[in-house]
C-alpha atoms as a PDB file:
ATOM      1  CA  MET A   1      35.753 -22.809  -7.188  1.00  0.00           C
ATOM      2  CA  THR A   2      36.535 -20.347 -10.194  1.00  0.00           C
ATOM      3  CA  ILE A   3      32.807 -20.858 -11.196  1.00  0.00           C
ATOM      4  CA  PHE A   4      31.299 -20.538  -7.852  1.00  0.00           C
ATOM      5  CA  ILE A   5      32.453 -17.021  -6.935  1.00  0.00           C
ATOM      6  CA  PRO A   6      31.292 -15.418 -10.060  1.00  0.00           C
ATOM      7  CA  LEU A   7      27.948 -17.333  -9.841  1.00  0.00           C
ATOM      8  CA  LEU A   8      27.547 -16.218  -5.976  1.00  0.00           C
ATOM      9  CA  LEU A   9      28.351 -12.633  -7.114  1.00  0.00           C
ATOM     10  CA  LEU A  10      25.600 -12.821 -10.003  1.00  0.00           C
ATOM     11  CA  LEU A  11      23.101 -13.991  -7.636  1.00  0.00           C
ATOM     12  CA  LEU A  12      23.717 -11.143  -5.034  1.00  0.00           C
ATOM     13  CA  LEU A  13      23.064  -8.768  -7.867  1.00  0.00           C
ATOM     14  CA  PHE A  14      19.978 -10.037  -8.985  1.00  0.00           C
ATOM     15  CA  VAL A  15      18.084 -11.484  -5.548  1.00  0.00           C
ATOM     16  CA  PRO A  16      15.810  -8.868  -4.200  1.00  0.00           C
ATOM     17  CA  PRO A  17      16.442  -7.986  -0.538  1.00  0.00           C
ATOM     18  CA  LEU A  18      14.779  -9.908   2.075  1.00  0.00           C
ATOM     19  CA  TYR A  19      14.918  -6.974   4.628  1.00  0.00           C
ATOM     20  CA  GLY A  20      11.739  -5.490   3.818  1.00  0.00           C
ATOM     21  CA  GLN A  21       9.415  -8.052   3.787  1.00  0.00           C
ATOM     22  CA  ASP A  22       8.242  -8.061   7.209  1.00  0.00           C
ATOM     23  CA  SER A  23       9.123  -4.374   7.984  1.00  0.00           C
ATOM     24  CA  TYR A  24       6.083  -3.241   9.254  1.00  0.00           C
ATOM     25  CA  ALA A  25       5.856  -6.479  11.684  1.00  0.00           C
ATOM     26  CA  GLU A  26       9.287  -5.834  12.725  1.00  0.00           C
ATOM     27  CA  PHE A  27       8.685  -2.004  13.354  1.00  0.00           C
ATOM     28  CA  GLU A  28       5.696  -2.707  15.515  1.00  0.00           C
ATOM     29  CA  ARG A  29       7.406  -4.826  17.534  1.00  0.00           C
ATOM     30  CA  GLY A  30      10.086  -2.460  17.835  1.00  0.00           C
ATOM     31  CA  LEU A  31       7.522   0.108  19.219  1.00  0.00           C
ATOM     32  CA  GLY A  32       7.431  -1.848  22.494  1.00  0.00           C
ATOM     33  CA  LEU A  33       3.614  -1.597  22.796  1.00  0.00           C
ATOM     34  CA  SER A  34       1.936  -2.686  26.123  1.00  0.00           C
ATOM     35  CA  ASN A  35      -0.391  -5.613  25.801  1.00  0.00           C
ATOM     36  CA  SER A  36      -3.388  -3.613  25.978  1.00  0.00           C
ATOM     37  CA  GLN A  37      -2.077  -1.272  23.168  1.00  0.00           C
ATOM     38  CA  LYS A  38      -1.475  -4.455  21.208  1.00  0.00           C
ATOM     39  CA  THR A  39      -5.180  -5.304  21.476  1.00  0.00           C
ATOM     40  CA  GLN A  40      -6.227  -1.872  20.751  1.00  0.00           C
ATOM     41  CA  MET A  41      -4.274  -2.062  17.561  1.00  0.00           C
ATOM     42  CA  GLU A  42      -5.591  -5.273  16.561  1.00  0.00           C
ATOM     43  CA  GLY A  43      -9.138  -3.890  17.003  1.00  0.00           C
ATOM     44  CA  ILE A  44      -8.630  -1.144  14.939  1.00  0.00           C
ATOM     45  CA  LYS A  45      -7.081  -3.091  12.325  1.00  0.00           C
ATOM     46  CA  ASN A  46      -9.850  -5.443  12.180  1.00  0.00           C
ATOM     47  CA  ARG A  47     -12.341  -2.347  12.148  1.00  0.00           C
ATOM     48  CA  TYR A  48     -10.630  -1.290   8.795  1.00  0.00           C
ATOM     49  CA  ILE A  49      -9.528  -4.390   7.040  1.00  0.00           C
ATOM     50  CA  ASN A  50     -12.621  -5.559   5.395  1.00  0.00           C
ATOM     51  CA  GLU A  51     -13.581  -2.358   3.902  1.00  0.00           C
ATOM     52  CA  TRP A  52      -9.964  -1.751   2.716  1.00  0.00           C
ATOM     53  CA  ARG A  53     -10.180  -5.100   0.871  1.00  0.00           C
ATOM     54  CA  ALA A  54     -13.250  -4.309  -0.479  1.00  0.00           C
ATOM     55  CA  LEU A  55     -12.161  -0.922  -1.853  1.00  0.00           C
ATOM     56  CA  LYS A  56      -8.776  -2.666  -3.420  1.00  0.00           C
ATOM     57  CA  GLN A  57     -10.952  -5.251  -5.228  1.00  0.00           C
ATOM     58  CA  GLU A  58     -13.494  -2.585  -6.751  1.00  0.00           C
ATOM     59  CA  SER A  59     -10.515  -0.708  -7.792  1.00  0.00           C
ATOM     60  CA  ILE A  60      -8.860  -3.722  -9.459  1.00  0.00           C
ATOM     61  CA  ARG A  61     -12.142  -4.514 -11.129  1.00  0.00           C
ATOM     62  CA  LYS A  62     -12.766  -1.070 -12.528  1.00  0.00           C
ATOM     63  CA  ARG A  63      -9.038  -0.700 -13.628  1.00  0.00           C
ATOM     64  CA  LEU A  64      -9.453  -3.965 -15.381  1.00  0.00           C
ATOM     65  CA  GLU A  65     -12.781  -2.970 -16.982  1.00  0.00           C
ATOM     66  CA  LEU A  66     -11.122   0.592 -18.099  1.00  0.00           C
ATOM     67  CA  GLN A  67      -8.092  -1.252 -19.619  1.00  0.00           C
ATOM     68  CA  GLU A  68     -10.390  -3.670 -21.852  1.00  0.00           C
ATOM     69  CA  LEU A  69     -12.269  -0.577 -22.730  1.00  0.00           C
ATOM     70  CA  ASN A  70      -9.264   1.378 -23.760  1.00  0.00           C
ATOM     71  CA  LYS A  71      -8.094  -1.670 -26.173  1.00  0.00           C
ATOM     72  CA  ASN A  72     -11.447  -1.172 -27.931  1.00  0.00           C
ATOM     73  CA  PRO A  73     -11.015   1.634 -30.510  1.00  0.00           C
ATOM     74  CA  ALA A  74     -14.870   1.796 -30.778  1.00  0.00           C
ATOM     75  CA  ALA A  75     -15.098   2.366 -27.059  1.00  0.00           C
ATOM     76  CA  ASN A  76     -17.616   4.863 -25.698  1.00  0.00           C
ATOM     77  CA  PRO A  77     -15.081   7.979 -24.260  1.00  0.00           C
ATOM     78  CA  GLU A  78     -17.851   8.960 -21.849  1.00  0.00           C
ATOM     79  CA  LYS A  79     -17.950   5.540 -20.396  1.00  0.00           C
ATOM     80  CA  ILE A  80     -13.988   5.490 -20.322  1.00  0.00           C
ATOM     81  CA  ASP A  81     -14.134   9.099 -18.501  1.00  0.00           C
ATOM     82  CA  LYS A  82     -16.815   7.900 -15.926  1.00  0.00           C
ATOM     83  CA  LEU A  83     -14.848   4.822 -14.952  1.00  0.00           C
ATOM     84  CA  ARG A  84     -11.673   6.750 -14.788  1.00  0.00           C
ATOM     85  CA  ASN A  85     -13.510   9.161 -12.334  1.00  0.00           C
ATOM     86  CA  GLU A  86     -14.778   6.173 -10.546  1.00  0.00           C
ATOM     87  CA  VAL A  87     -11.430   4.929 -10.223  1.00  0.00           C
ATOM     88  CA  GLY A  88     -10.130   8.068  -8.827  1.00  0.00           C
ATOM     89  CA  GLU A  89     -13.120   8.265  -6.304  1.00  0.00           C
ATOM     90  CA  ILE A  90     -11.911   4.651  -4.928  1.00  0.00           C
ATOM     91  CA  GLU A  91      -8.615   5.847  -4.659  1.00  0.00           C
ATOM     92  CA  ARG A  92      -9.674   8.862  -2.806  1.00  0.00           C
ATOM     93  CA  SER A  93     -11.827   6.563  -0.602  1.00  0.00           C
ATOM     94  CA  ARG A  94      -8.887   4.248   0.274  1.00  0.00           C
ATOM     95  CA  ASN A  95      -6.863   7.270   1.137  1.00  0.00           C
ATOM     96  CA  ASN A  96      -9.207   8.730   3.358  1.00  0.00           C
ATOM     97  CA  LEU A  97      -9.593   5.399   5.096  1.00  0.00           C
ATOM     98  CA  TYR A  98      -5.920   4.928   5.654  1.00  0.00           C
ATOM     99  CA  ASN A  99      -5.897   8.467   7.076  1.00  0.00           C
ATOM    100  CA  GLN A 100      -8.638   7.496   9.511  1.00  0.00           C
ATOM    101  CA  TYR A 101      -6.965   3.968  10.405  1.00  0.00           C
ATOM    102  CA  ARG A 102      -3.637   5.992  10.979  1.00  0.00           C
ATOM    103  CA  GLY A 103      -5.311   8.750  13.300  1.00  0.00           C
ATOM    104  CA  GLU A 104      -6.826   6.313  15.248  1.00  0.00           C
ATOM    105  CA  VAL A 105      -3.691   4.210  15.598  1.00  0.00           C
ATOM    106  CA  SER A 106      -1.539   7.405  16.577  1.00  0.00           C
ATOM    107  CA  ARG A 107      -4.031   8.233  19.187  1.00  0.00           C
ATOM    108  CA  ASN A 108      -3.505   4.989  20.917  1.00  0.00           C
ATOM    109  CA  LEU A 109       0.484   5.611  21.330  1.00  0.00           C
ATOM    110  CA  ASN A 110       2.303   7.566  23.660  1.00  0.00           C
ATOM    111  CA  LYS A 111       4.340  10.651  22.483  1.00  0.00           C
ATOM    112  CA  GLU A 112       7.346   8.832  21.557  1.00  0.00           C
ATOM    113  CA  GLN A 113       5.878   5.874  19.842  1.00  0.00           C
ATOM    114  CA  ARG A 114       3.514   8.090  17.953  1.00  0.00           C
ATOM    115  CA  GLU A 115       6.665  10.042  16.605  1.00  0.00           C
ATOM    116  CA  ARG A 116       8.313   7.022  15.618  1.00  0.00           C
ATOM    117  CA  TYR A 117       5.037   5.509  14.054  1.00  0.00           C
ATOM    118  CA  ASN A 118       4.363   8.874  12.401  1.00  0.00           C
ATOM    119  CA  SER A 119       8.017   8.893  10.829  1.00  0.00           C
ATOM    120  CA  PHE A 120       7.835   5.248   9.593  1.00  0.00           C
ATOM    121  CA  CYS A 121       4.439   5.896   7.993  1.00  0.00           C
ATOM    122  CA  ASP A 122       5.630   9.130   6.112  1.00  0.00           C
ATOM    123  CA  THR A 123       8.751   7.165   5.192  1.00  0.00           C
ATOM    124  CA  GLU A 124       6.640   4.271   3.783  1.00  0.00           C
ATOM    125  CA  GLN A 125       4.429   6.696   1.925  1.00  0.00           C
ATOM    126  CA  LYS A 126       7.462   8.767   0.235  1.00  0.00           C
ATOM    127  CA  GLN A 127       8.636   5.379  -1.135  1.00  0.00           C
ATOM    128  CA  LYS A 128       5.291   4.319  -2.459  1.00  0.00           C
ATOM    129  CA  VAL A 129       5.246   7.837  -4.409  1.00  0.00           C
ATOM    130  CA  ARG A 130       8.766   7.294  -5.525  1.00  0.00           C
ATOM    131  CA  SER A 131       7.934   3.952  -7.027  1.00  0.00           C
ATOM    132  CA  PHE A 132       4.546   5.051  -8.605  1.00  0.00           C
ATOM    133  CA  ARG A 133       4.271   4.773 -12.167  1.00  0.00           C
ATOM    134  CA  PRO A 134       1.156   6.330 -13.204  1.00  0.00           C
ATOM    135  CA  ARG A 135      -0.692   4.033 -15.714  1.00  0.00           C
ATOM    136  CA  ARG A 136      -1.878   5.811 -18.962  1.00  0.00           C
ATOM    137  CA  TYR A 137      -4.726   3.455 -19.862  1.00  0.00           C
ATOM    138  CA  GLY A 138      -4.317   4.085 -23.634  1.00  0.00           C
ATOM    139  CA  ARG A 139      -3.823   7.705 -23.405  1.00  0.00           C
END
């Protein structure tokens, strides 16, 4: 028993919280969407998801390529700058796509739902910014 309590305390300190894993799904359920709103939301999500995934994959591919170039001391600096610009452009496209998605979703909500949705999204964005650690890619 004396070993069990300290072990339990250690586990509680080092196990990540589970409450955030389904936070958006739980949030969406809490909005109280009507059936037609749910259908509209699903349609909006389906219109954006493939493009979002393609941009994410392209960003990952370019970042890996950039990482490899930065490991090579004889790498072409112009090519590195070009890749950095391309990564930045992809990220801007992803942000624009997200803003379009968010705007479309917001337009399909009533005033109370919209306020809660926008508040949730703003909070999520702030948390992402706070946890963002810029990659330096060998600079």
